[in-house]
N, C-alpha and C. Protein backbone atom coordinates (compact mmCIF):
# COMPACT_ATOMS: atom_id res chain seq x y z
N LEU A 1 25.82 -22.93 -2.75
CA LEU A 1 24.93 -23.66 -3.62
C LEU A 1 25.65 -24.78 -4.36
N LYS A 2 26.87 -24.49 -4.82
CA LYS A 2 27.63 -25.53 -5.53
C LYS A 2 27.87 -26.74 -4.63
N ARG A 3 28.05 -26.49 -3.36
CA ARG A 3 28.30 -27.56 -2.41
C ARG A 3 27.14 -28.55 -2.38
N TYR A 4 25.94 -28.06 -2.65
CA TYR A 4 24.75 -28.89 -2.64
C TYR A 4 24.38 -29.41 -4.02
N GLY A 5 25.29 -29.23 -4.97
CA GLY A 5 25.07 -29.74 -6.30
C GLY A 5 24.16 -28.87 -7.15
N LYS A 6 23.97 -27.65 -6.72
CA LYS A 6 23.11 -26.74 -7.47
C LYS A 6 23.88 -26.08 -8.60
N ARG A 7 23.21 -25.88 -9.68
CA ARG A 7 23.78 -25.23 -10.86
C ARG A 7 23.61 -23.72 -10.70
N ILE A 8 24.69 -22.98 -10.90
CA ILE A 8 24.66 -21.53 -10.76
C ILE A 8 24.94 -20.91 -12.11
N ILE A 9 24.10 -19.96 -12.49
CA ILE A 9 24.26 -19.24 -13.75
C ILE A 9 24.31 -17.75 -13.43
N PHE A 10 25.30 -17.07 -13.97
CA PHE A 10 25.47 -15.63 -13.79
C PHE A 10 25.31 -14.95 -15.14
N SER A 11 24.56 -13.87 -15.17
CA SER A 11 24.47 -13.11 -16.41
C SER A 11 25.22 -11.79 -16.25
N THR A 12 25.94 -11.44 -17.30
CA THR A 12 26.69 -10.18 -17.26
C THR A 12 25.72 -9.00 -17.26
N ILE A 13 26.21 -7.88 -16.80
CA ILE A 13 25.42 -6.65 -16.79
C ILE A 13 25.31 -6.15 -18.23
N THR A 14 24.13 -5.72 -18.60
CA THR A 14 23.93 -5.22 -19.96
C THR A 14 24.46 -3.81 -20.09
N PRO A 15 24.83 -3.43 -21.32
CA PRO A 15 25.34 -2.07 -21.55
C PRO A 15 24.22 -1.04 -21.48
N ILE A 16 24.62 0.20 -21.62
CA ILE A 16 23.68 1.32 -21.67
C ILE A 16 23.88 2.05 -23.00
N ARG A 17 22.94 2.92 -23.31
CA ARG A 17 23.13 3.76 -24.49
C ARG A 17 23.91 4.99 -24.10
N LYS A 18 24.63 5.53 -25.07
CA LYS A 18 25.41 6.75 -24.82
C LYS A 18 24.49 7.87 -24.35
N GLY A 19 25.01 8.64 -23.43
CA GLY A 19 24.25 9.76 -22.89
C GLY A 19 23.67 9.50 -21.52
N GLN A 20 23.71 8.26 -21.06
CA GLN A 20 23.22 7.93 -19.72
C GLN A 20 24.23 8.50 -18.73
N PRO A 21 23.79 9.40 -17.84
CA PRO A 21 24.74 10.16 -17.03
C PRO A 21 25.32 9.42 -15.81
N HIS A 22 24.79 8.26 -15.47
CA HIS A 22 25.18 7.63 -14.21
C HIS A 22 26.14 6.46 -14.34
N ASN A 23 26.47 6.09 -15.58
CA ASN A 23 27.37 4.96 -15.76
C ASN A 23 27.94 5.04 -17.17
N THR A 24 28.92 4.19 -17.45
CA THR A 24 29.48 4.10 -18.80
C THR A 24 29.64 2.63 -19.16
N ASN A 25 29.65 2.36 -20.46
CA ASN A 25 29.87 0.99 -20.90
C ASN A 25 31.27 0.51 -20.57
N GLU A 26 32.21 1.44 -20.51
CA GLU A 26 33.57 1.05 -20.13
C GLU A 26 33.59 0.49 -18.71
N ARG A 27 32.87 1.14 -17.79
CA ARG A 27 32.82 0.65 -16.41
C ARG A 27 32.06 -0.67 -16.32
N ILE A 28 30.98 -0.77 -17.06
CA ILE A 28 30.20 -2.01 -17.05
C ILE A 28 31.04 -3.16 -17.60
N LYS A 29 31.72 -2.93 -18.72
CA LYS A 29 32.56 -3.97 -19.31
C LYS A 29 33.71 -4.33 -18.37
N GLU A 30 34.29 -3.35 -17.73
CA GLU A 30 35.37 -3.61 -16.78
C GLU A 30 34.88 -4.51 -15.65
N PHE A 31 33.69 -4.25 -15.13
CA PHE A 31 33.12 -5.10 -14.08
C PHE A 31 32.89 -6.51 -14.61
N ASN A 32 32.21 -6.61 -15.75
CA ASN A 32 31.94 -7.93 -16.33
C ASN A 32 33.23 -8.71 -16.57
N ASP A 33 34.22 -8.02 -17.12
CA ASP A 33 35.50 -8.68 -17.42
C ASP A 33 36.26 -9.11 -16.17
N ALA A 34 36.01 -8.45 -15.06
CA ALA A 34 36.66 -8.82 -13.80
C ALA A 34 35.92 -9.97 -13.11
N VAL A 35 34.62 -9.93 -13.13
CA VAL A 35 33.83 -10.90 -12.37
C VAL A 35 33.64 -12.22 -13.10
N ALA A 36 33.31 -12.17 -14.39
CA ALA A 36 32.97 -13.39 -15.12
C ALA A 36 34.08 -14.45 -15.09
N PRO A 37 35.34 -14.10 -15.34
CA PRO A 37 36.38 -15.15 -15.29
C PRO A 37 36.52 -15.79 -13.90
N MET A 38 36.41 -14.99 -12.86
CA MET A 38 36.51 -15.55 -11.50
C MET A 38 35.38 -16.53 -11.25
N LEU A 39 34.17 -16.15 -11.63
CA LEU A 39 33.03 -17.03 -11.43
C LEU A 39 33.15 -18.29 -12.28
N LYS A 40 33.60 -18.14 -13.51
CA LYS A 40 33.78 -19.29 -14.39
C LYS A 40 34.77 -20.28 -13.79
N ASP A 41 35.86 -19.74 -13.22
CA ASP A 41 36.85 -20.60 -12.56
C ASP A 41 36.25 -21.36 -11.38
N MET A 42 35.17 -20.84 -10.82
CA MET A 42 34.48 -21.48 -9.70
C MET A 42 33.40 -22.44 -10.17
N GLY A 43 33.28 -22.60 -11.49
CA GLY A 43 32.28 -23.51 -12.04
C GLY A 43 30.93 -22.89 -12.32
N VAL A 44 30.85 -21.57 -12.24
CA VAL A 44 29.60 -20.88 -12.52
C VAL A 44 29.48 -20.68 -14.02
N GLU A 45 28.30 -20.96 -14.56
CA GLU A 45 28.06 -20.73 -15.98
C GLU A 45 27.79 -19.25 -16.21
N ILE A 46 28.29 -18.73 -17.32
CA ILE A 46 28.15 -17.31 -17.63
C ILE A 46 27.25 -17.14 -18.86
N VAL A 47 26.24 -16.28 -18.73
CA VAL A 47 25.42 -15.88 -19.87
C VAL A 47 25.83 -14.45 -20.19
N ASP A 48 26.40 -14.26 -21.37
CA ASP A 48 26.96 -12.97 -21.73
C ASP A 48 25.91 -12.07 -22.40
N LEU A 49 25.10 -11.43 -21.57
CA LEU A 49 24.08 -10.52 -22.08
C LEU A 49 24.70 -9.22 -22.61
N TYR A 50 25.82 -8.82 -22.03
CA TYR A 50 26.49 -7.60 -22.49
C TYR A 50 26.81 -7.69 -23.97
N SER A 51 27.44 -8.77 -24.39
CA SER A 51 27.85 -8.92 -25.79
C SER A 51 26.66 -8.97 -26.73
N LEU A 52 25.56 -9.51 -26.27
CA LEU A 52 24.35 -9.56 -27.09
C LEU A 52 23.78 -8.16 -27.33
N ILE A 53 23.67 -7.37 -26.28
CA ILE A 53 23.02 -6.06 -26.37
C ILE A 53 23.93 -5.01 -26.98
N ILE A 54 25.23 -5.09 -26.75
CA ILE A 54 26.15 -4.06 -27.26
C ILE A 54 26.22 -4.08 -28.79
N LYS A 55 25.77 -5.16 -29.41
CA LYS A 55 25.77 -5.24 -30.87
C LYS A 55 24.92 -4.13 -31.50
N ASP A 56 23.84 -3.74 -30.82
CA ASP A 56 22.94 -2.72 -31.37
C ASP A 56 22.18 -2.03 -30.23
N PRO A 57 22.86 -1.21 -29.42
CA PRO A 57 22.20 -0.60 -28.26
C PRO A 57 21.02 0.30 -28.63
N GLU A 58 21.08 0.94 -29.77
CA GLU A 58 19.96 1.80 -30.18
C GLU A 58 18.69 0.98 -30.39
N ARG A 59 18.86 -0.22 -30.84
CA ARG A 59 17.73 -1.13 -31.11
C ARG A 59 17.28 -1.85 -29.84
N TYR A 60 18.23 -2.22 -28.99
CA TYR A 60 17.93 -3.09 -27.86
C TYR A 60 17.71 -2.37 -26.54
N LEU A 61 17.95 -1.06 -26.50
CA LEU A 61 17.75 -0.31 -25.26
C LEU A 61 16.73 0.80 -25.47
N GLU A 62 15.86 0.96 -24.49
CA GLU A 62 14.78 1.95 -24.55
C GLU A 62 15.34 3.37 -24.59
N ASP A 63 14.46 4.32 -24.84
CA ASP A 63 14.84 5.73 -24.90
C ASP A 63 15.35 6.27 -23.56
N ASP A 64 15.10 5.53 -22.46
CA ASP A 64 15.65 5.96 -21.16
C ASP A 64 17.13 5.60 -21.04
N LEU A 65 17.67 4.94 -22.08
CA LEU A 65 19.09 4.62 -22.24
C LEU A 65 19.55 3.43 -21.41
N VAL A 66 18.66 2.81 -20.66
CA VAL A 66 19.06 1.74 -19.74
C VAL A 66 18.26 0.44 -19.95
N HIS A 67 16.96 0.54 -19.97
CA HIS A 67 16.12 -0.66 -19.96
C HIS A 67 16.01 -1.30 -21.34
N LEU A 68 15.85 -2.62 -21.32
CA LEU A 68 15.76 -3.39 -22.55
C LEU A 68 14.43 -3.17 -23.26
N THR A 69 14.49 -3.15 -24.59
CA THR A 69 13.26 -3.12 -25.39
C THR A 69 12.61 -4.49 -25.31
N ASN A 70 11.37 -4.59 -25.76
CA ASN A 70 10.70 -5.89 -25.77
C ASN A 70 11.47 -6.90 -26.60
N GLU A 71 12.00 -6.46 -27.74
CA GLU A 71 12.79 -7.37 -28.57
C GLU A 71 13.99 -7.90 -27.81
N ALA A 72 14.68 -7.02 -27.12
CA ALA A 72 15.86 -7.42 -26.34
C ALA A 72 15.48 -8.33 -25.18
N LYS A 73 14.34 -8.08 -24.57
CA LYS A 73 13.88 -8.96 -23.48
C LYS A 73 13.67 -10.38 -24.01
N HIS A 74 13.10 -10.49 -25.18
CA HIS A 74 12.89 -11.82 -25.78
C HIS A 74 14.21 -12.49 -26.12
N LEU A 75 15.15 -11.72 -26.68
CA LEU A 75 16.46 -12.27 -27.02
C LEU A 75 17.22 -12.74 -25.79
N THR A 76 17.23 -11.92 -24.75
CA THR A 76 17.95 -12.30 -23.54
C THR A 76 17.28 -13.48 -22.85
N ALA A 77 15.95 -13.48 -22.85
CA ALA A 77 15.23 -14.60 -22.24
C ALA A 77 15.55 -15.90 -22.98
N GLN A 78 15.62 -15.83 -24.31
CA GLN A 78 15.93 -17.02 -25.09
C GLN A 78 17.35 -17.51 -24.80
N LEU A 79 18.29 -16.59 -24.71
CA LEU A 79 19.68 -16.97 -24.41
C LEU A 79 19.77 -17.62 -23.03
N ILE A 80 19.07 -17.06 -22.06
CA ILE A 80 19.08 -17.64 -20.71
C ILE A 80 18.41 -19.00 -20.72
N ALA A 81 17.26 -19.12 -21.40
CA ALA A 81 16.55 -20.40 -21.46
C ALA A 81 17.42 -21.46 -22.14
N ASP A 82 18.09 -21.09 -23.22
CA ASP A 82 18.97 -22.04 -23.91
C ASP A 82 20.10 -22.51 -23.00
N THR A 83 20.61 -21.60 -22.20
CA THR A 83 21.68 -21.96 -21.26
C THR A 83 21.15 -22.93 -20.21
N ILE A 84 19.98 -22.65 -19.70
CA ILE A 84 19.38 -23.53 -18.69
C ILE A 84 19.12 -24.92 -19.27
N LYS A 85 18.65 -24.97 -20.51
CA LYS A 85 18.32 -26.25 -21.14
C LYS A 85 19.55 -27.08 -21.46
N SER A 86 20.69 -26.42 -21.69
CA SER A 86 21.90 -27.16 -22.10
C SER A 86 22.53 -27.91 -20.95
């Protein structure tokens, strides 16, 4: 896509709430920390959703421990829209 002059935006994986049995925030952060710098070096823009949601996972993640609340959906959508507009 970059070859054709297309703008590429990558968003980091969002965290989970404690107690989710299939993943950990340590693993998610490790993945984000490994992938984001490589992509940035390739000219890909990074939207850091992980850092936004980890500030208050009890507030921003549903009782299923994984999915975003409506408030978090609006916050992440705004962050992505602002990135696209810039």
